[in-house]
Amino acid sequence: MPFNRTESLPKPRTFGIIEQIVAAVDAQRKSVSVTTNLFNATVPFNLLVSPGVGLTSLNIELPAITSELVSDGVTYMVKDVAGSAATKPITINPFAGDTIDGGATLTINTNNNSVSLMALTLTRWGVVK
């Protein structure tokens, strides 16, 4: 079919709100490699931790717990994929005022270890297995 000069070219597609929501939900199902300190990890992920060159430890800061995080059963999984937590510990810090099973922090310091944390109340992350 020959090109008809009176036809207009299709408009470039822009992402509407539905596509953005689908993309956000899809992103929540993915794993993320962490090689440096991570502050305010706002999207639930599987965090595959491998401290970068020059680091002697690595810190991960969880977000403030909201009622949505609790009702949705949001869970973070943190895994020492480098197998170096004994010499480069991974410290997980809850947001100010929150706890992890009553504690101020949780540290992974055994090689290849992992932990899953779920938002249980508005001020408490709990270790789940």
Protein backbone atom coordinates (compact mmCIF):
# COMPACT_ATOMS: atom_id res chain seq x y z
CA MET A 1 0.00 0.00 0.00
CA PRO A 2 1.54 3.32 -1.01
CA PHE A 3 2.06 6.04 1.54
CA ASN A 4 -0.89 8.43 1.62
CA ARG A 5 0.32 11.91 2.51
CA THR A 6 -3.05 12.82 3.98
CA GLU A 7 -2.72 10.15 6.69
CA SER A 8 -1.19 11.30 9.91
CA LEU A 9 1.50 9.32 11.64
CA PRO A 10 0.44 7.60 14.86
CA LYS A 11 1.02 9.62 18.00
CA PRO A 12 3.82 8.41 20.24
CA ARG A 13 2.46 6.28 23.03
CA THR A 14 2.63 7.74 26.50
CA PHE A 15 2.26 5.70 29.63
CA GLY A 16 -1.03 6.23 31.41
CA ILE A 17 -1.69 5.63 35.07
CA ILE A 18 -2.61 1.95 34.51
CA GLU A 19 0.71 1.22 32.82
CA GLN A 20 2.54 3.03 35.63
CA ILE A 21 0.75 0.96 38.26
CA VAL A 22 1.48 -2.27 36.37
CA ALA A 23 5.15 -1.25 36.07
CA ALA A 24 5.29 -0.47 39.82
CA VAL A 25 3.71 -3.80 40.74
CA ASP A 26 6.07 -5.63 38.39
CA ALA A 27 9.04 -3.83 39.98
CA GLN A 28 7.96 -5.09 43.40
CA ARG A 29 8.43 -8.68 42.25
CA LYS A 30 12.05 -8.24 41.28
CA SER A 31 15.30 -8.68 43.09
CA VAL A 32 17.79 -5.87 43.49
CA SER A 33 21.53 -6.14 43.92
CA VAL A 34 22.83 -3.95 46.73
CA THR A 35 26.53 -3.09 46.75
CA THR A 36 26.48 0.08 48.85
CA ASN A 37 24.49 1.44 51.78
CA LEU A 38 20.75 1.59 51.05
CA PHE A 39 18.67 4.22 52.81
CA ASN A 40 14.87 4.33 52.91
CA ALA A 41 14.25 1.17 50.88
CA THR A 42 10.71 2.17 49.92
CA VAL A 43 9.73 -0.70 47.63
CA PRO A 44 9.62 -4.29 48.89
CA PHE A 45 12.31 -6.29 47.20
CA ASN A 46 14.53 -9.26 47.54
CA LEU A 47 17.74 -7.43 48.43
CA LEU A 48 20.72 -9.46 47.24
CA VAL A 49 23.60 -7.96 49.19
CA SER A 50 27.23 -7.98 48.09
CA PRO A 51 29.23 -5.22 49.83
CA GLY A 52 31.26 -3.26 47.29
CA VAL A 53 35.01 -2.89 47.17
CA GLY A 54 36.35 -0.88 50.08
CA LEU A 55 33.33 -1.41 52.34
CA THR A 56 33.82 -3.13 55.68
CA SER A 57 30.08 -3.31 56.37
CA LEU A 58 26.79 -2.44 54.73
CA ASN A 59 23.66 -0.73 56.14
CA ILE A 60 20.08 -1.05 54.94
CA GLU A 61 17.43 1.34 56.27
CA LEU A 62 13.83 0.18 56.18
CA PRO A 63 11.03 2.68 55.47
CA ALA A 64 8.59 3.98 58.06
CA ILE A 65 5.81 1.44 58.53
CA THR A 66 2.39 2.52 57.25
CA SER A 67 -1.00 0.86 57.64
CA GLU A 68 -0.76 -0.15 53.96
CA LEU A 69 2.52 -2.01 54.57
CA VAL A 70 0.89 -3.90 57.46
CA SER A 71 -2.38 -4.71 55.65
CA ASP A 72 -0.51 -5.75 52.48
CA GLY A 73 1.87 -7.99 54.44
CA VAL A 74 4.90 -6.29 52.90
CA THR A 75 8.06 -8.35 53.25
CA TYR A 76 11.72 -7.60 52.59
CA MET A 77 14.17 -10.45 52.10
CA VAL A 78 17.85 -9.63 52.62
CA LYS A 79 20.43 -12.20 51.46
CA ASP A 80 24.23 -12.19 51.74
CA VAL A 81 24.92 -13.39 48.19
CA ALA A 82 28.63 -12.54 48.41
CA GLY A 83 29.12 -14.94 51.31
CA SER A 84 31.10 -12.27 53.17
CA ALA A 85 28.83 -11.27 56.07
CA ALA A 86 31.26 -12.67 58.65
CA THR A 87 33.84 -10.05 57.64
CA LYS A 88 31.46 -7.45 56.12
CA PRO A 89 28.33 -7.52 58.30
CA ILE A 90 24.99 -6.34 56.94
CA THR A 91 23.05 -4.18 59.41
CA ILE A 92 19.33 -3.65 58.89
CA ASN A 93 17.98 -0.52 60.57
CA PRO A 94 14.27 0.15 61.02
CA PHE A 95 12.97 3.69 60.58
CA ALA A 96 13.25 5.91 63.69
CA GLY A 97 10.87 4.65 66.38
CA ASP A 98 10.28 1.26 64.72
CA THR A 99 11.81 -2.02 65.87
CA ILE A 100 12.71 -5.42 64.49
CA ASP A 101 11.14 -7.89 66.94
CA GLY A 102 11.77 -5.38 69.72
CA GLY A 103 15.38 -4.66 68.75
CA ALA A 104 16.91 -1.47 67.41
CA THR A 105 18.74 -3.26 64.56
CA LEU A 106 19.30 -6.68 63.08
CA THR A 107 22.71 -7.76 61.82
CA ILE A 108 23.51 -10.54 59.39
CA ASN A 109 27.05 -11.65 60.27
CA THR A 110 27.06 -15.26 59.11
CA ASN A 111 28.19 -15.96 55.55
CA ASN A 112 25.41 -16.72 53.06
CA ASN A 113 22.70 -16.05 55.65
CA SER A 114 19.40 -14.35 54.88
CA VAL A 115 16.45 -12.87 56.74
CA SER A 116 12.88 -12.00 55.77
CA LEU A 117 11.16 -9.11 57.53
CA MET A 118 7.42 -8.41 57.50
CA ALA A 119 5.62 -5.27 58.64
CA LEU A 120 3.57 -6.62 61.58
CA THR A 121 2.34 -3.45 63.30
CA LEU A 122 2.79 0.29 62.76
CA THR A 123 6.04 0.19 64.74
CA ARG A 124 7.29 -3.40 64.44
CA TRP A 125 9.02 -5.41 61.73
CA GLY A 126 9.05 -9.13 62.46
CA VAL A 127 11.46 -11.83 61.32
CA VAL A 128 9.57 -14.46 59.32
CA LYS A 129 10.88 -17.66 57.80
